[in-house]
């Protein structure tokens, strides 16, 4: 006979800071299969906290966020499912909690066409309110940037659909060195890690969650303990060591958290991608799609007051050079623009046949970040 509620320790049910009197999470969706076969995973049952417990947990989460000085969002595929971007771990989709309670777009979603959901928008609001230090993004979809999270906050460790210098990393490939080194800094320094929609099934960067949880357990006073907070419908291998474990949809958690923190959350229908000021745009734009940016020939930021500017020409047909990653030094060509303003880029990879190009996109937020000098390196420079 299948159980009707989650079986396990206090940490597995509620997190180590949880109240033992809280009601146990109930199984909302039964599954027969493993969530992520071949990884450190469990049966893909979906669980839900009761409404009262959910509110109590989010109130505790808000307290932890207020106390933290280096809080990190660790984002997995589950953060984007409400935007219609498919995940890997959901089973029994006909009865999935997400299918019942989250307004999803059905069918295939083109990478550039997905729109941010409430989870993305609240993360952006947290960033703008000074509640976040960093975001480690396992997804490739650019939805956090579309929601308003500045590019320099985000480490897209597994690649991006909107960064020509950081193509999606296959299981047999290596991540970019600078991004890996940055995750090592996050691993050492994060005092609170909020996991949103990751199965934590064994990726290298999952160590960020484990390390932060272990540091919290070494703090003797529970009032000063932060650690990891995991939000997911399914169980993960790191639940038992978490400070707080929430079983709910990300949208429901983030809506409550926004209220607890009194955040100003942008409307999903509004244009939410951060842009530079009109004065900056006027100063930076030479002609349409041609910009002046404070970066050198290698695409690295030039420090100092009134640094020399370099032209970034993104007009259709212009040739550029990739500045970082496995394709560093390879030729790229601007092929046009997406309706949202992203630039379509053809990249000549070393292993491809002559004349065959890999098609990628440059997110329009990269231009704004480059004009403002906010990122340490831009993906492309004019040839």
Protein backbone atom coordinates (compact mmCIF):
# COMPACT_ATOMS: atom_id res chain seq x y z
CA UNK A 1 0.00 0.00 0.00
CA UNK A 2 1.40 3.40 -0.98
CA UNK A 3 2.07 5.85 1.87
CA UNK A 4 -0.05 9.02 2.01
CA UNK A 5 2.54 11.28 3.62
CA UNK A 6 6.26 11.83 3.68
CA UNK A 7 8.20 9.42 5.86
CA UNK A 8 11.49 10.55 7.35
CA UNK A 9 13.34 12.70 9.86
CA UNK A 10 12.52 16.27 10.92
CA UNK A 11 15.08 17.56 8.43
CA UNK A 12 13.56 15.58 5.59
CA UNK A 13 10.05 16.82 6.40
CA UNK A 14 10.62 20.40 7.46
CA UNK A 15 14.34 21.14 7.75
CA UNK A 16 16.44 21.21 10.92
CA UNK A 17 14.97 24.58 11.98
CA UNK A 18 11.45 23.31 11.46
CA UNK A 19 8.84 22.93 14.18
CA UNK A 20 8.29 19.24 15.08
CA UNK A 21 4.60 20.03 15.63
CA UNK A 22 4.10 21.02 12.00
CA UNK A 23 1.88 18.70 9.97
CA UNK A 24 3.75 16.22 7.79
CA UNK A 25 3.79 16.95 4.02
CA UNK A 26 1.22 14.84 2.17
CA UNK A 27 1.72 13.01 -1.12
CA UNK A 28 -0.13 14.99 -3.78
CA UNK A 29 0.99 12.96 -6.82
CA UNK A 30 2.07 9.31 -6.85
CA UNK A 31 4.74 8.19 -9.28
CA UNK A 32 6.24 4.85 -10.24
CA UNK A 33 9.56 6.00 -11.66
CA UNK A 34 12.73 7.59 -10.36
CA UNK A 35 12.88 11.36 -10.73
CA UNK A 36 16.27 11.34 -12.51
CA UNK A 37 17.35 7.80 -13.46
CA UNK A 38 21.11 7.36 -13.34
CA UNK A 39 21.59 10.07 -10.68
CA UNK A 40 21.30 10.31 -6.90
CA UNK A 41 17.53 10.43 -6.79
CA UNK A 42 14.32 8.90 -5.41
CA UNK A 43 10.81 8.00 -6.59
CA UNK A 44 9.24 11.08 -8.19
CA UNK A 45 6.30 11.45 -5.78
CA UNK A 46 5.21 15.06 -5.33
CA UNK A 47 4.48 16.35 -1.83
CA UNK A 48 2.67 19.40 -0.47
CA UNK A 49 2.76 21.19 2.87
CA UNK A 50 -0.54 22.22 4.40
CA UNK A 51 -1.48 25.85 3.92
CA UNK A 52 -0.76 26.79 7.56
CA UNK A 53 2.62 25.07 7.55
CA UNK A 54 3.54 26.65 4.22
CA UNK A 55 2.86 30.12 5.61
CA UNK A 56 4.90 29.37 8.73
CA UNK A 57 7.80 28.07 6.66
CA UNK A 58 7.83 31.10 4.37
CA UNK A 59 7.75 33.42 7.39
CA UNK A 60 10.85 31.60 8.69
CA UNK A 61 12.45 31.85 5.24
CA UNK A 62 11.93 35.61 5.28
CA UNK A 63 13.71 35.80 8.65
CA UNK A 64 16.66 33.89 7.24
CA UNK A 65 16.84 36.16 4.18
CA UNK A 66 16.89 39.26 6.41
CA UNK A 67 19.74 37.83 8.50
CA UNK A 68 21.90 36.73 5.56
CA UNK A 69 24.71 38.85 4.14
CA UNK A 70 25.69 36.53 1.27
CA UNK A 71 22.50 34.84 0.21
CA UNK A 72 22.44 32.81 -3.00
CA UNK A 73 19.66 31.48 -5.20
CA UNK A 74 20.52 28.09 -6.67
CA UNK A 75 18.12 27.69 -9.59
CA UNK A 76 17.15 24.42 -11.27
CA UNK A 77 14.82 23.41 -14.06
CA UNK A 78 11.81 23.55 -11.75
CA UNK A 79 12.07 27.34 -11.62
CA UNK A 80 11.15 27.58 -15.31
CA UNK A 81 8.44 24.92 -15.64
CA UNK A 82 5.71 27.48 -14.98
CA UNK A 83 7.00 29.37 -18.04
CA UNK A 84 6.46 26.30 -20.23
CA UNK A 85 10.11 25.20 -20.28
CA UNK A 86 10.18 21.45 -19.64
CA UNK A 87 12.12 19.91 -16.75
CA UNK A 88 13.73 16.48 -16.40
CA UNK A 89 12.42 15.11 -13.12
CA UNK A 90 8.62 15.40 -13.34
CA UNK A 91 6.83 12.08 -13.84
CA UNK A 92 3.07 11.25 -14.06
CA UNK A 93 2.55 14.56 -15.82
CA UNK A 94 -1.20 14.03 -16.19
CA UNK A 95 -1.59 14.34 -12.41
CA UNK A 96 1.39 16.55 -11.58
CA UNK A 97 0.81 19.34 -9.06
CA UNK A 98 2.41 21.76 -11.50
CA UNK A 99 -0.04 20.78 -14.22
CA UNK A 100 -2.97 21.31 -11.86
CA UNK A 101 -1.96 24.46 -10.02
CA UNK A 102 0.40 26.39 -12.30
CA UNK A 103 -0.70 28.11 -15.47
CA UNK A 104 1.59 26.56 -18.03
CA UNK A 105 1.99 27.14 -21.72
CA UNK A 106 1.36 23.87 -23.53
CA UNK A 107 3.46 22.47 -26.31
CA UNK A 108 6.95 23.29 -27.49
CA UNK A 109 8.40 26.63 -26.34
CA UNK A 110 11.02 28.27 -28.52
CA UNK A 111 14.01 29.23 -26.36
CA UNK A 112 13.75 32.95 -27.09
CA UNK A 113 9.98 33.13 -26.65
CA UNK A 114 9.55 31.94 -23.04
CA UNK A 115 8.48 34.60 -20.56
CA UNK A 116 9.41 34.93 -16.88
CA UNK A 117 7.03 33.55 -14.29
CA UNK A 118 6.37 34.81 -10.76
CA UNK A 119 9.35 32.91 -9.38
CA UNK A 120 11.74 34.73 -11.72
CA UNK A 121 10.13 38.09 -10.99
CA UNK A 122 10.43 37.68 -7.22
CA UNK A 123 14.09 36.69 -7.55
CA UNK A 124 14.58 39.89 -9.55
CA UNK A 125 12.78 41.89 -6.86
CA UNK A 126 15.00 40.31 -4.20
CA UNK A 127 18.07 41.32 -6.19
CA UNK A 128 16.87 44.89 -6.57
CA UNK A 129 16.04 45.08 -2.84
CA UNK A 130 19.56 43.97 -1.88
CA UNK A 131 18.41 40.59 -0.56
CA UNK A 132 20.68 38.52 -2.83
CA UNK A 133 24.42 38.32 -3.32
CA UNK A 134 24.55 35.86 -6.22
CA UNK A 135 22.46 33.55 -8.42
CA UNK A 136 23.86 30.23 -9.63
CA UNK A 137 21.73 29.26 -12.61
CA UNK A 138 21.61 25.69 -13.89
CA UNK A 139 19.13 26.62 -16.62
CA UNK A 140 19.94 28.08 -20.04
CA UNK A 141 16.80 30.09 -20.73
CA UNK A 142 17.68 33.70 -19.79
CA UNK A 143 14.40 34.07 -17.91
CA UNK A 144 16.03 35.56 -14.83
CA UNK A 145 17.58 38.30 -16.97
CA UNK A 146 14.25 38.87 -18.72
CA UNK A 147 12.69 39.25 -15.27
CA UNK A 148 15.20 41.95 -14.35
CA UNK A 149 18.12 40.20 -12.64
CA UNK A 150 21.32 41.96 -13.81
CA UNK A 151 23.69 39.74 -15.77
CA UNK A 152 26.59 40.33 -13.35
CA UNK A 153 24.62 38.65 -10.53
CA UNK A 154 24.21 35.41 -12.48
CA UNK A 155 26.58 32.49 -13.00
CA UNK A 156 25.15 30.40 -15.86
CA UNK A 157 27.39 27.47 -15.01
CA UNK A 158 25.87 24.99 -17.50
CA UNK A 159 25.70 27.38 -20.44
CA UNK A 160 23.19 29.85 -21.86
CA UNK A 161 21.00 30.21 -24.92
CA UNK A 162 21.79 33.96 -24.83
CA UNK A 163 25.57 34.05 -24.40
CA UNK A 164 27.57 33.11 -27.54
CA UNK A 165 30.70 32.58 -25.40
CA UNK A 166 28.93 30.11 -23.09
CA UNK A 167 27.10 27.46 -25.16
CA UNK A 168 25.10 24.78 -23.37
CA UNK A 169 27.46 22.25 -21.80
CA UNK A 170 26.95 18.61 -22.68
CA UNK A 171 27.53 15.90 -20.07
CA UNK A 172 30.80 14.96 -21.80
CA UNK A 173 32.06 18.57 -21.85
CA UNK A 174 33.60 20.86 -19.26
CA UNK A 175 32.15 24.08 -17.90
CA UNK A 176 33.94 27.37 -18.48
CA UNK A 177 36.94 27.85 -16.16
CA UNK A 178 36.00 31.32 -14.93
CA UNK A 179 32.47 30.19 -14.12
CA UNK A 180 33.77 27.16 -12.24
CA UNK A 181 36.15 29.35 -10.22
CA UNK A 182 33.27 31.66 -9.37
CA UNK A 183 31.22 28.72 -8.05
CA UNK A 184 34.18 27.89 -5.79
CA UNK A 185 33.94 31.41 -4.32
CA UNK A 186 30.20 30.96 -3.80
CA UNK A 187 30.85 27.53 -2.26
CA UNK A 188 33.18 29.09 0.32
CA UNK A 189 31.32 32.29 1.14
CA UNK A 190 27.54 31.76 0.86
CA UNK A 191 25.75 31.95 4.22
CA UNK A 192 22.26 31.15 2.88
CA UNK A 193 21.41 29.10 -0.22
CA UNK A 194 17.83 29.11 -1.47
CA UNK A 195 17.32 26.15 -3.80
CA UNK A 196 14.52 26.70 -6.30
CA UNK A 197 13.46 23.71 -8.36
CA UNK A 198 16.67 21.67 -8.42
CA UNK A 199 16.60 17.91 -7.88
CA UNK A 200 20.13 18.15 -6.36
CA UNK A 201 20.82 14.80 -7.95
CA UNK A 202 24.60 14.99 -8.13
CA UNK A 203 25.76 17.93 -10.25
CA UNK A 204 29.15 19.32 -9.22
CA UNK A 205 27.69 22.65 -8.16
CA UNK A 206 25.33 20.93 -5.72
CA UNK A 207 28.30 21.19 -3.36
CA UNK A 208 27.30 24.83 -2.80
CA UNK A 209 24.16 23.62 -1.05
CA UNK A 210 25.97 20.94 0.94
CA UNK A 211 28.79 23.24 2.08
CA UNK A 212 26.44 25.98 3.25
CA UNK A 213 24.31 23.45 5.14
CA UNK A 214 27.37 22.00 6.88
CA UNK A 215 28.61 25.44 7.94
CA UNK A 216 25.19 26.17 9.45
CA UNK A 217 25.26 22.97 11.48
CA UNK A 218 28.53 24.07 13.05
CA UNK A 219 26.86 27.21 14.45
CA UNK A 220 25.91 26.42 18.05
CA UNK A 221 23.19 29.04 18.42
CA UNK A 222 20.18 28.09 16.30
CA UNK A 223 19.10 31.75 16.19
CA UNK A 224 22.22 32.54 14.16
CA UNK A 225 22.01 29.48 11.91
CA UNK A 226 21.21 30.03 8.24
CA UNK A 227 22.25 27.24 5.82
CA UNK A 228 20.18 25.80 2.99
CA UNK A 229 16.50 26.20 2.15
CA UNK A 230 15.11 23.77 -0.42
CA UNK A 231 11.88 24.46 -2.33
CA UNK A 232 10.70 21.54 -4.43
CA UNK A 233 7.71 19.25 -4.78
CA UNK A 234 9.94 16.18 -4.86
CA UNK A 235 12.41 14.89 -2.30
CA UNK A 236 16.13 15.57 -2.79
CA UNK A 237 19.29 13.90 -1.39
CA UNK A 238 20.05 17.06 0.67
CA UNK A 239 16.75 17.39 2.54
CA UNK A 240 17.94 15.90 5.84
CA UNK A 241 20.71 18.51 6.26
CA UNK A 242 18.64 21.53 5.16
CA UNK A 243 17.73 24.29 7.60
CA UNK A 244 14.30 24.59 6.02
CA UNK A 245 12.51 22.25 3.62
CA UNK A 246 9.45 23.55 1.78
CA UNK A 247 7.15 21.30 -0.28
CA UNK A 248 5.14 23.59 -2.55
CA UNK A 249 5.15 25.12 -6.00
CA UNK A 250 7.79 27.81 -6.42
CA UNK A 251 5.20 30.40 -7.43
CA UNK A 252 3.20 29.90 -4.22
CA UNK A 253 6.33 30.15 -2.06
CA UNK A 254 7.68 33.22 -3.84
CA UNK A 255 4.31 35.01 -3.73
CA UNK A 256 4.22 34.58 0.05
CA UNK A 257 7.90 35.54 0.38
CA UNK A 258 7.35 38.74 -1.60
CA UNK A 259 4.66 39.75 0.88
CA UNK A 260 6.81 38.86 3.89
CA UNK A 261 9.71 40.94 2.56
CA UNK A 262 7.46 43.75 1.23
CA UNK A 263 9.06 43.46 -2.20
CA UNK A 264 7.98 45.46 -5.24
CA UNK A 265 7.44 42.78 -7.88
CA UNK A 266 7.11 43.74 -11.53
CA UNK A 267 3.98 42.68 -13.38
CA UNK A 268 4.69 39.74 -15.71
CA UNK A 269 3.17 41.65 -18.61
CA UNK A 270 5.49 44.59 -18.20
CA UNK A 271 8.84 45.10 -19.87
CA UNK A 272 11.06 44.01 -17.00
CA UNK A 273 14.53 43.67 -18.49
CA UNK A 274 16.73 46.33 -16.87
CA UNK A 275 18.00 48.97 -19.25
CA UNK A 276 20.57 51.72 -19.08
CA UNK A 277 19.37 55.30 -18.87
CA UNK A 278 18.39 57.28 -21.95
CA UNK A 279 21.45 59.48 -21.45
CA UNK A 280 23.73 56.42 -21.36
CA UNK A 281 22.07 54.99 -24.46
CA UNK A 282 22.44 58.29 -26.32
CA UNK A 283 26.10 58.55 -25.35
CA UNK A 284 26.84 54.90 -26.16
CA UNK A 285 24.95 54.45 -29.45
CA UNK A 286 26.84 55.68 -32.49
CA UNK A 287 24.16 54.53 -34.90
CA UNK A 288 21.45 51.93 -34.47
CA UNK A 289 22.97 48.66 -33.17
CA UNK A 290 26.44 50.21 -32.84
CA UNK A 291 27.62 51.00 -29.31
CA UNK A 292 30.62 52.44 -27.47
CA UNK A 293 31.66 50.26 -24.53
CA UNK A 294 34.52 50.43 -21.96
CA UNK A 295 36.09 47.10 -22.94
CA UNK A 296 39.41 46.17 -24.53
CA UNK A 297 40.24 44.09 -27.61
CA UNK A 298 39.79 40.89 -25.56
CA UNK A 299 36.38 41.97 -24.32
CA UNK A 300 37.61 42.66 -20.78
CA UNK A 301 36.41 45.63 -18.76
CA UNK A 302 38.78 48.61 -18.73
CA UNK A 303 38.89 49.95 -15.17
CA UNK A 304 39.33 53.56 -14.11
CA UNK A 305 37.68 56.94 -14.56
CA UNK A 306 36.69 57.78 -18.15
CA UNK A 307 38.21 54.63 -19.68
CA UNK A 308 38.80 54.49 -23.45
CA UNK A 309 35.79 53.21 -25.35
CA UNK A 310 35.65 50.54 -28.03
CA UNK A 311 33.01 50.16 -30.74
CA UNK A 312 30.70 47.14 -30.54
CA UNK A 313 29.05 46.83 -33.95
CA UNK A 314 25.98 44.55 -33.87
CA UNK A 315 24.52 45.43 -37.26
CA UNK A 316 23.43 42.54 -39.45
CA UNK A 317 26.33 41.07 -41.40
CA UNK A 318 29.02 42.40 -39.07
CA UNK A 319 31.84 40.05 -38.10
CA UNK A 320 32.85 39.66 -34.47
CA UNK A 321 35.15 37.48 -32.36
CA UNK A 322 34.17 35.22 -29.44
CA UNK A 323 36.08 36.34 -26.34
CA UNK A 324 35.78 33.38 -23.95
CA UNK A 325 35.01 29.70 -23.56
CA UNK A 326 35.69 26.75 -25.84
CA UNK A 327 35.15 28.90 -28.96
CA UNK A 328 37.43 31.75 -27.87
CA UNK A 329 38.92 33.46 -30.92
CA UNK A 330 36.39 31.99 -33.35
CA UNK A 331 34.59 34.17 -35.88
CA UNK A 332 30.97 35.16 -35.33
CA UNK A 333 28.51 36.98 -37.59
CA UNK A 334 25.37 38.94 -36.71
CA UNK A 335 22.51 37.33 -38.63
CA UNK A 336 19.65 39.59 -37.53
CA UNK A 337 17.49 40.30 -34.50
CA UNK A 338 14.75 38.51 -32.58
CA UNK A 339 11.45 40.32 -32.02
CA UNK A 340 12.44 40.87 -28.36
CA UNK A 341 15.65 42.57 -29.45
CA UNK A 342 18.13 39.72 -28.94
CA UNK A 343 20.82 39.42 -31.61
CA UNK A 344 21.00 36.27 -33.71
CA UNK A 345 24.63 35.16 -33.96
CA UNK A 346 26.29 32.59 -36.22
CA UNK A 347 29.47 31.11 -34.69
CA UNK A 348 32.09 29.27 -36.75
CA UNK A 349 33.26 26.52 -34.39
CA UNK A 350 36.69 24.97 -34.91
CA UNK A 351 35.25 21.47 -35.32
CA UNK A 352 32.55 22.48 -37.83
CA UNK A 353 32.97 22.26 -41.58
CA UNK A 354 33.82 25.45 -43.42
CA UNK A 355 30.72 27.53 -43.98
CA UNK A 356 28.68 25.67 -41.31
CA UNK A 357 27.79 27.85 -38.34
CA UNK A 358 26.32 27.21 -34.91
CA UNK A 359 23.35 29.54 -34.37
CA UNK A 360 23.16 31.31 -31.01
CA UNK A 361 21.73 34.49 -29.51
CA UNK A 362 23.15 37.45 -27.63
CA UNK A 363 20.64 38.61 -25.02
CA UNK A 364 19.86 42.32 -25.31
CA UNK A 365 20.69 42.73 -21.61
CA UNK A 366 24.32 42.08 -22.52
CA UNK A 367 24.36 45.34 -24.48
CA UNK A 368 22.94 47.29 -21.55
CA UNK A 369 25.46 45.67 -19.18
CA UNK A 370 28.33 46.42 -21.56
CA UNK A 371 27.35 50.06 -22.00
CA UNK A 372 27.16 50.45 -18.21
CA UNK A 373 30.43 48.53 -17.67
CA UNK A 374 28.74 46.10 -15.27
CA UNK A 375 30.22 42.76 -16.39
CA UNK A 376 33.93 41.81 -16.26
CA UNK A 377 33.91 40.53 -19.85
CA UNK A 378 31.57 40.72 -22.83
CA UNK A 379 30.93 37.63 -25.02
CA UNK A 380 31.81 39.31 -28.33
CA UNK A 381 34.01 42.08 -29.68
CA UNK A 382 33.98 43.59 -33.15
CA UNK A 383 36.64 42.07 -35.41
